[in-house]
Amino acid sequence: MIASQIANRQTFFGRGSLRELQPLLCNAPLPTLLFCGHSFLKSPAWQALEADLAPQFIGMEIVSHEASPNEIDAWVARWRGKVQRVVAIGGGSVLDAAKAFAALSQHPLNTLRYLEKVGDTAISGETLPLIAVPTTAGTGSEVTQNAVVTEKVETKVKASLRHANFVPPIAILDPDLLRGASDRVLACCAIDAFTHLFEAYLSAKGNIFTRHTALAGMRAFISAWPHLNREDEQGNIAREQMMIASWQGGLSLSMAGLGVIHGIAGELGAIKDYHHGEICGRLLLPFLHLLGESDNAEQQQLMDELSTALFPGFTLPPATMLASWLKDQAITPFWHDPQPLTEAEVEWILARSNSKNSRVNYTEQQQRFMLEQAFHVR
């Protein structure tokens, strides 16, 4: 099997690397649209650079949640033909929204016509150049081929626009942009990154190349997970490591795909506004229980190798060890106070969820177990 690695053409990494943005824009002047969130506009990073950066943009769109097809269509209608470059500064929702806009501004039909699961038209690789600047470490959207779009009202679908050309040509990974985020945001985004790495590591589509990438990302995660909210040098190093883990998670999922956790989370996210990282983290814990009981030889071999690499010297079963360590070392117990789901919502999710690229085809009963353990079903 051949692993296809698709990455940014330029990646700027390091504390304070957001300063690279202004010369990038000035050295190649183009009409540029900024996508960002309110939190970034209130941040010290924007306040420090606003005088230099703001004149480089012809306009700004604020993204406060996962973009809907109607929102993307409205942005395209407002800016088509006026923009030649896009900058996205924010979390995964901001980056995905900007990627979707950059592509669909170069396509004639509306968003739903191209969207996976519901569309009827293949999307081409036409897109505007995009500079991606993540302010969270979780989705890895700055290095993935897909732009996630969510429609919760009529179609009730969470799906992607996907093409190799949608990988942002330039990414700026500045760990200082994680400073000031709440413990819950840091933890939920980080566990999303870990889930990408972990599911890609176990993926039936994976090979030694993709597992090497995923394992490197999980090592970075392990070093960072307990220290993300510290204000000292150890905290700075942890945020650097988590930014790396998130980027490698995006790279890993692009090569090897994801598993049953995302096979459930994608459908749940189509009907509930819960944080995607929190959904994945909540589902990860009961999944590890199922994994510990699995008799799949390939899966168990991979878990043995993972345990040796991440927790040398420990004698607990690998899945049990991982679940215990994640909970013991978390900066906040994100799994407490489970969010509610109705029985009807569970049935709706299970009718659409799947095991994706898992080595095991998880039954509806097993997927129900994951949902019932992760959420308050009433």
Protein backbone atom coordinates (compact mmCIF):
# COMPACT_ATOMS: atom_id res chain seq x y z
CA MET A 1 0.00 0.00 0.00
CA ILE A 2 1.20 3.51 -0.80
CA ALA A 3 0.58 6.33 1.64
CA SER A 4 -0.11 9.68 0.01
CA GLN A 5 1.20 12.58 2.07
CA ILE A 6 -0.37 15.95 1.32
CA ALA A 7 0.95 18.91 3.29
CA ASN A 8 1.30 22.68 3.18
CA ARG A 9 3.83 24.09 0.74
CA GLN A 10 5.03 26.45 3.48
CA THR A 11 4.63 25.99 7.21
CA PHE A 12 5.81 28.65 9.64
CA PHE A 13 6.12 27.30 13.16
CA GLY A 14 7.05 28.79 16.49
CA ARG A 15 6.05 31.25 19.16
CA GLY A 16 5.33 34.64 17.63
CA SER A 17 5.25 33.28 14.07
CA LEU A 18 2.01 35.18 13.41
CA ARG A 19 4.37 38.07 12.65
CA GLU A 20 5.17 36.31 9.36
CA LEU A 21 1.68 37.06 8.06
CA GLN A 22 2.10 40.76 7.35
CA PRO A 23 5.22 40.38 5.14
CA LEU A 24 3.60 37.45 3.33
CA LEU A 25 0.66 39.67 2.42
CA CYS A 26 2.77 42.71 1.54
CA ASN A 27 5.26 40.82 -0.61
CA ALA A 28 2.47 39.54 -2.87
CA PRO A 29 -0.33 42.16 -2.76
CA LEU A 30 -3.76 40.74 -3.60
CA PRO A 31 -7.33 41.63 -2.59
CA THR A 32 -7.55 39.51 0.57
CA LEU A 33 -10.54 38.55 2.72
CA LEU A 34 -10.08 37.69 6.40
CA PHE A 35 -12.10 35.00 8.16
CA CYS A 36 -11.80 34.99 11.95
CA GLY A 37 -13.73 34.78 15.21
CA HIS A 38 -14.69 37.43 17.74
CA SER A 39 -12.26 35.96 20.26
CA PHE A 40 -9.29 36.58 17.97
CA LEU A 41 -10.29 40.23 17.45
CA LYS A 42 -10.25 40.66 21.24
CA SER A 43 -6.90 38.93 21.65
CA PRO A 44 -3.54 40.55 22.48
CA ALA A 45 -2.16 39.06 19.24
CA TRP A 46 -4.59 41.05 17.08
CA GLN A 47 -4.21 44.18 19.16
CA ALA A 48 -0.44 44.03 18.72
CA LEU A 49 -0.57 43.56 14.94
CA GLU A 50 -3.85 45.23 13.93
CA ALA A 51 -2.24 48.44 12.70
CA ASP A 52 -0.07 46.50 10.25
CA LEU A 53 -2.49 43.71 9.34
CA ALA A 54 -5.86 45.44 9.01
CA PRO A 55 -4.89 47.51 5.92
CA GLN A 56 -4.01 44.27 4.10
CA PHE A 57 -7.66 43.11 4.04
CA ILE A 58 -10.51 44.34 1.87
CA GLY A 59 -13.03 42.88 4.27
CA MET A 60 -13.71 40.49 7.12
CA GLU A 61 -16.19 37.71 7.87
CA ILE A 62 -16.82 36.60 11.45
CA VAL A 63 -17.37 32.87 12.04
CA SER A 64 -18.89 31.86 15.38
CA HIS A 65 -19.87 28.24 14.69
CA GLU A 66 -19.62 25.48 12.09
CA ALA A 67 -20.61 27.12 8.82
CA SER A 68 -23.88 26.16 7.15
CA PRO A 69 -24.42 25.87 3.40
CA ASN A 70 -26.56 29.01 3.44
CA GLU A 71 -23.84 31.02 5.20
CA ILE A 72 -21.22 29.89 2.71
CA ASP A 73 -23.51 30.72 -0.20
CA ALA A 74 -24.07 34.20 1.25
CA TRP A 75 -20.33 34.83 1.59
CA VAL A 76 -19.78 33.69 -1.99
CA ALA A 77 -22.55 35.98 -3.26
CA ARG A 78 -21.07 38.92 -1.36
CA TRP A 79 -17.45 38.49 -2.41
CA ARG A 80 -17.34 36.52 -5.67
CA GLY A 81 -14.99 38.21 -8.11
CA LYS A 82 -13.73 40.69 -5.52
CA VAL A 83 -11.31 38.45 -3.62
CA GLN A 84 -8.13 36.80 -4.83
CA ARG A 85 -6.79 35.42 -1.56
CA VAL A 86 -8.18 34.28 1.81
CA VAL A 87 -6.68 34.37 5.29
CA ALA A 88 -8.25 32.28 8.06
CA ILE A 89 -7.31 32.92 11.70
CA GLY A 90 -9.24 30.86 14.23
CA GLY A 91 -10.32 27.42 15.32
CA GLY A 92 -11.43 24.58 13.09
CA SER A 93 -14.80 26.14 12.29
CA VAL A 94 -13.13 29.33 11.05
CA LEU A 95 -10.59 27.45 8.95
CA ASP A 96 -13.20 25.14 7.44
CA ALA A 97 -15.49 28.07 6.62
CA ALA A 98 -12.66 29.89 4.87
CA LYS A 99 -11.62 26.78 2.94
CA ALA A 100 -15.21 26.24 1.80
CA PHE A 101 -15.53 29.86 0.71
CA ALA A 102 -12.19 29.82 -1.11
CA ALA A 103 -13.30 26.80 -3.13
CA LEU A 104 -16.94 27.65 -3.77
CA SER A 105 -16.15 31.20 -4.85
CA GLN A 106 -14.64 29.44 -7.88
CA HIS A 107 -17.63 27.16 -8.50
CA PRO A 108 -20.98 28.10 -10.06
CA LEU A 109 -23.42 26.04 -7.97
CA ASN A 110 -24.50 26.30 -4.36
CA THR A 111 -22.78 24.47 -1.52
CA LEU A 112 -25.20 21.56 -1.13
CA ARG A 113 -24.70 20.54 -4.77
CA TYR A 114 -21.03 19.69 -4.04
CA LEU A 115 -21.29 18.42 -0.45
CA GLU A 116 -20.46 14.80 0.33
CA LYS A 117 -23.42 12.57 1.32
CA VAL A 118 -26.04 14.86 -0.28
CA GLY A 119 -24.49 16.53 -3.35
CA ASP A 120 -25.01 15.56 -6.97
CA THR A 121 -22.00 17.33 -8.54
CA ALA A 122 -18.29 16.55 -8.27
CA ILE A 123 -16.24 19.42 -6.93
CA SER A 124 -13.16 20.47 -8.89
CA GLY A 125 -9.87 21.58 -7.43
CA GLU A 126 -10.46 25.24 -8.28
CA THR A 127 -9.88 27.38 -5.19
CA LEU A 128 -8.36 30.65 -4.04
CA PRO A 129 -4.99 30.62 -2.26
CA LEU A 130 -5.45 30.44 1.49
CA ILE A 131 -3.24 31.14 4.49
CA ALA A 132 -4.40 29.16 7.53
CA VAL A 133 -3.57 30.28 11.06
CA PRO A 134 -5.06 27.99 13.73
CA THR A 135 -5.75 29.48 17.15
CA THR A 136 -6.67 26.11 18.64
CA ALA A 137 -4.84 22.78 18.53
CA GLY A 138 -7.38 20.16 17.61
CA THR A 139 -8.87 19.83 14.15
CA GLY A 140 -5.71 20.01 12.07
CA SER A 141 -7.79 21.75 9.40
CA GLU A 142 -4.75 23.79 8.40
CA VAL A 143 -3.33 20.67 6.72
CA THR A 144 -6.39 18.67 5.62
CA GLN A 145 -8.06 18.32 2.24
CA ASN A 146 -11.57 18.81 3.59
CA ALA A 147 -13.78 21.70 4.62
CA VAL A 148 -16.50 20.56 7.01
CA VAL A 149 -19.97 22.03 6.47
CA THR A 150 -22.94 21.49 8.82
CA GLU A 151 -26.65 21.90 8.09
CA LYS A 152 -28.74 21.28 11.21
CA VAL A 153 -32.20 22.46 10.15
CA GLU A 154 -33.45 20.84 6.95
CA THR A 155 -30.93 18.40 5.48
CA LYS A 156 -29.38 17.61 8.89
CA VAL A 157 -25.98 16.69 7.55
CA LYS A 158 -22.39 17.22 8.60
CA ALA A 159 -20.12 16.49 5.66
CA SER A 160 -17.12 17.72 3.73
CA LEU A 161 -16.10 19.48 0.59
CA ARG A 162 -12.94 17.58 -0.27
CA HIS A 163 -10.09 17.91 -2.76
CA ALA A 164 -6.30 17.70 -2.50
CA ASN A 165 -6.09 21.32 -3.68
CA PHE A 166 -8.00 22.46 -0.61
CA VAL A 167 -4.97 21.89 1.63
CA PRO A 168 -3.94 25.47 2.50
CA PRO A 169 -0.69 26.29 0.68
CA ILE A 170 0.56 28.22 3.72
CA ALA A 171 0.04 27.50 7.41
CA ILE A 172 1.27 29.58 10.33
CA LEU A 173 1.42 27.59 13.56
CA ASP A 174 1.93 30.01 16.44
CA PRO A 175 1.55 28.25 19.82
CA ASP A 176 1.19 31.61 21.57
CA LEU A 177 -2.27 31.88 20.02
CA LEU A 178 -3.39 29.10 22.40
CA ARG A 179 -2.65 31.27 25.42
CA GLY A 180 -5.71 32.54 27.21
CA ALA A 181 -8.03 29.77 26.04
CA SER A 182 -10.10 28.17 28.79
CA ASP A 183 -9.10 24.80 30.20
CA ARG A 184 -12.19 23.26 28.64
CA VAL A 185 -11.42 24.59 25.15
CA LEU A 186 -7.79 23.50 25.42
CA ALA A 187 -8.77 20.01 26.58
CA CYS A 188 -11.62 19.44 24.12
CA CYS A 189 -9.54 20.58 21.16
CA ALA A 190 -6.55 18.52 22.27
CA ILE A 191 -8.57 15.33 22.70
CA ASP A 192 -9.90 15.88 19.18
CA ALA A 193 -6.30 15.94 17.95
CA PHE A 194 -5.55 12.76 19.85
CA THR A 195 -8.62 11.03 18.43
CA HIS A 196 -7.47 11.87 14.90
CA LEU A 197 -4.04 10.42 15.62
CA PHE A 198 -5.36 7.35 17.45
CA GLU A 199 -8.00 6.42 14.90
CA ALA A 200 -5.56 6.94 12.04
CA TYR A 201 -3.02 4.75 13.87
CA LEU A 202 -5.59 1.93 14.14
CA SER A 203 -7.06 2.47 10.67
CA ALA A 204 -7.41 -0.46 8.29
CA LYS A 205 -6.16 1.93 5.57
CA GLY A 206 -2.96 2.61 7.45
CA ASN A 207 0.53 1.22 6.99
CA ILE A 208 3.91 1.64 8.63
CA PHE A 209 4.32 5.10 7.06
CA THR A 210 1.00 6.49 8.31
CA ARG A 211 1.40 4.84 11.72
CA HIS A 212 4.83 6.43 12.11
CA THR A 213 3.29 9.86 11.51
CA ALA A 214 0.43 9.18 13.92
CA LEU A 215 2.75 7.83 16.58
CA ALA A 216 4.95 10.92 16.38
CA GLY A 217 1.85 13.05 16.92
CA MET A 218 0.71 10.94 19.89
CA ARG A 219 4.14 11.31 21.51
CA ALA A 220 3.80 15.08 21.17
CA PHE A 221 0.30 14.89 22.65
CA ILE A 222 1.43 12.81 25.62
CA SER A 223 4.15 15.32 26.50
CA ALA A 224 1.68 18.22 26.31
CA TRP A 225 -1.66 16.95 27.69
CA PRO A 226 -1.01 17.55 31.43
CA HIS A 227 0.54 21.01 31.02
CA LEU A 228 -1.53 22.92 28.45
CA ASN A 229 -2.81 25.56 30.87
CA ARG A 230 0.45 26.34 32.63
CA GLU A 231 1.79 29.88 32.33
CA ASP A 232 5.45 28.96 32.73
CA GLU A 233 8.00 27.64 30.22
CA GLN A 234 6.64 24.11 30.57
CA GLY A 235 3.27 25.46 29.45
CA ASN A 236 4.89 27.15 26.45
CA ILE A 237 6.56 23.88 25.47
CA ALA A 238 3.28 21.98 25.95
CA ARG A 239 1.39 24.33 23.65
CA GLU A 240 4.13 23.95 21.03
CA GLN A 241 3.86 20.17 21.27
CA MET A 242 0.06 20.21 21.03
CA MET A 243 0.20 22.43 17.96
CA ILE A 244 2.49 19.83 16.39
CA ALA A 245 0.17 17.00 17.48
CA SER A 246 -2.82 18.74 15.90
CA TRP A 247 -0.97 19.31 12.60
CA GLN A 248 0.18 15.69 12.52
CA GLY A 249 -3.35 14.58 13.34
CA GLY A 250 -4.66 16.40 10.28
CA LEU A 251 -1.92 14.83 8.19
CA SER A 252 -2.63 11.37 9.60
CA LEU A 253 -6.38 11.47 9.02
CA SER A 254 -5.80 12.68 5.47
CA MET A 255 -3.63 9.65 4.75
CA ALA A 256 -5.27 6.86 6.75
CA GLY A 257 -8.80 8.03 7.51
CA LEU A 258 -10.71 7.84 10.79
CA GLY A 259 -12.73 5.23 12.67
CA VAL A 260 -15.97 4.55 14.48
CA ILE A 261 -15.62 7.46 16.90
CA HIS A 262 -15.84 9.90 14.01
CA GLY A 263 -18.36 7.65 12.29
CA ILE A 264 -20.68 8.44 15.21
CA ALA A 265 -19.49 11.98 15.98
CA GLY A 266 -20.15 13.22 12.45
CA GLU A 267 -23.79 12.21 12.63
CA LEU A 268 -24.27 13.49 16.17
CA GLY A 269 -22.77 16.82 15.09
CA ALA A 270 -25.41 17.15 12.40
CA ILE A 271 -28.16 17.52 15.00
CA LYS A 272 -26.50 18.89 18.16
CA ASP A 273 -24.38 21.98 18.82
CA TYR A 274 -21.99 20.18 21.15
CA HIS A 275 -18.27 20.89 20.75
CA HIS A 276 -16.88 18.37 18.26
CA GLY A 277 -13.77 17.71 20.34
CA GLU A 278 -15.87 17.09 23.42
CA ILE A 279 -18.03 14.63 21.47
CA CYS A 280 -14.94 12.74 20.31
CA GLY A 281 -13.40 12.75 23.78
CA ARG A 282 -16.57 11.47 25.41
CA LEU A 283 -16.87 8.68 22.82
CA LEU A 284 -13.17 7.81 23.08
CA LEU A 285 -13.46 6.56 26.67
CA PRO A 286 -16.14 3.87 26.06
CA PHE A 287 -14.41 3.02 22.77
CA LEU A 288 -11.28 2.19 24.76
CA HIS A 289 -13.41 -0.17 26.87
CA LEU A 290 -14.57 -1.95 23.70
CA LEU A 291 -11.01 -1.97 22.42
CA GLY A 292 -9.80 -3.67 25.58
CA GLU A 293 -12.33 -6.47 25.02
CA SER A 294 -11.58 -6.85 21.31
CA ASP A 295 -10.22 -10.14 20.02
CA ASN A 296 -9.00 -8.64 16.75
CA ALA A 297 -5.36 -9.75 16.60
CA GLU A 298 -4.14 -6.89 14.41
CA GLN A 299 -5.77 -4.31 16.65
CA GLN A 300 -4.32 -5.84 19.80
CA GLN A 301 -0.86 -6.00 18.27
CA LEU A 302 -1.04 -2.31 17.39
CA MET A 303 -2.17 -1.48 20.93
CA ASP A 304 0.71 -3.48 22.41
CA GLU A 305 3.16 -1.56 20.22
CA LEU A 306 1.51 1.74 21.12
CA SER A 307 1.66 1.00 24.84
CA THR A 308 5.36 0.14 24.60
CA ALA A 309 6.05 3.37 22.73
CA LEU A 310 4.01 5.70 24.94
CA PHE A 311 4.02 4.03 28.37
CA PRO A 312 7.14 1.88 28.63
CA GLY A 313 7.31 -0.18 31.80
CA PHE A 314 3.58 -0.12 32.60
CA THR A 315 1.88 -3.49 32.90
CA LEU A 316 -1.82 -2.57 32.67
CA PRO A 317 -3.68 -3.68 29.51
CA PRO A 318 -2.95 -1.01 26.85
CA ALA A 319 -6.50 0.33 26.40
CA THR A 320 -7.03 0.46 30.17
CA MET A 321 -3.70 2.20 30.66
CA LEU A 322 -4.50 4.81 28.02
CA ALA A 323 -7.97 5.56 29.38
CA SER A 324 -6.67 5.90 32.94
CA TRP A 325 -3.77 8.13 31.92
CA LEU A 326 -5.95 10.44 29.81
CA LYS A 327 -8.33 10.98 32.73
CA ASP A 328 -5.68 11.23 35.43
CA GLN A 329 -3.59 13.79 33.52
CA ALA A 330 -6.37 15.94 32.03
CA ILE A 331 -6.35 19.63 32.95
CA THR A 332 -10.14 19.46 33.32
CA PRO A 333 -12.58 16.50 33.52
CA PHE A 334 -14.35 17.16 30.22
CA TRP A 335 -16.20 13.82 30.52
CA HIS A 336 -18.15 14.93 33.62
CA ASP A 337 -21.75 16.20 33.37
CA PRO A 338 -22.63 14.41 30.13
CA GLN A 339 -24.70 16.27 27.57
CA PRO A 340 -28.25 14.97 26.94
CA LEU A 341 -29.51 12.95 24.00
CA THR A 342 -33.05 11.72 23.55
CA GLU A 343 -33.74 8.13 22.59
CA ALA A 344 -35.07 9.39 19.25
CA GLU A 345 -31.80 11.22 18.64
CA VAL A 346 -29.81 8.09 19.47
CA GLU A 347 -31.88 6.09 16.99
CA TRP A 348 -31.36 8.79 14.34
CA ILE A 349 -27.60 8.75 14.87
CA LEU A 350 -27.35 4.96 14.84
CA ALA A 351 -29.31 4.75 11.59
CA ARG A 352 -26.59 6.81 9.91
CA SER A 353 -23.36 6.13 11.79
CA ASN A 354 -20.69 3.69 10.62
CA SER A 355 -17.30 2.23 11.54
CA LYS A 356 -15.47 4.13 8.80
CA ASN A 357 -11.93 2.72 8.48
CA SER A 358 -11.90 0.73 11.72
CA ARG A 359 -10.40 -2.76 11.62
CA VAL A 360 -13.57 -4.00 13.33
CA ASN A 361 -17.09 -3.45 12.02
CA TYR A 362 -18.70 -2.22 15.23
CA THR A 363 -22.27 -3.38 15.67
CA GLU A 364 -25.22 -1.12 16.35
CA GLN A 365 -25.25 -2.50 19.90
CA GLN A 366 -21.61 -1.54 20.42
CA GLN A 367 -22.17 1.92 18.97
CA ARG A 368 -25.21 2.34 21.22
CA PHE A 369 -23.01 1.39 24.19
CA MET A 370 -20.58 4.16 23.24
CA LEU A 371 -23.38 6.73 23.00
CA GLU A 372 -25.03 5.68 26.25
CA GLN A 373 -21.75 5.75 28.14
CA ALA A 374 -20.74 9.10 26.69
CA PHE A 375 -24.06 10.99 26.93
CA HIS A 376 -27.11 11.21 29.14
CA VAL A 377 -29.76 9.37 27.14
CA ARG A 378 -33.31 10.10 28.27
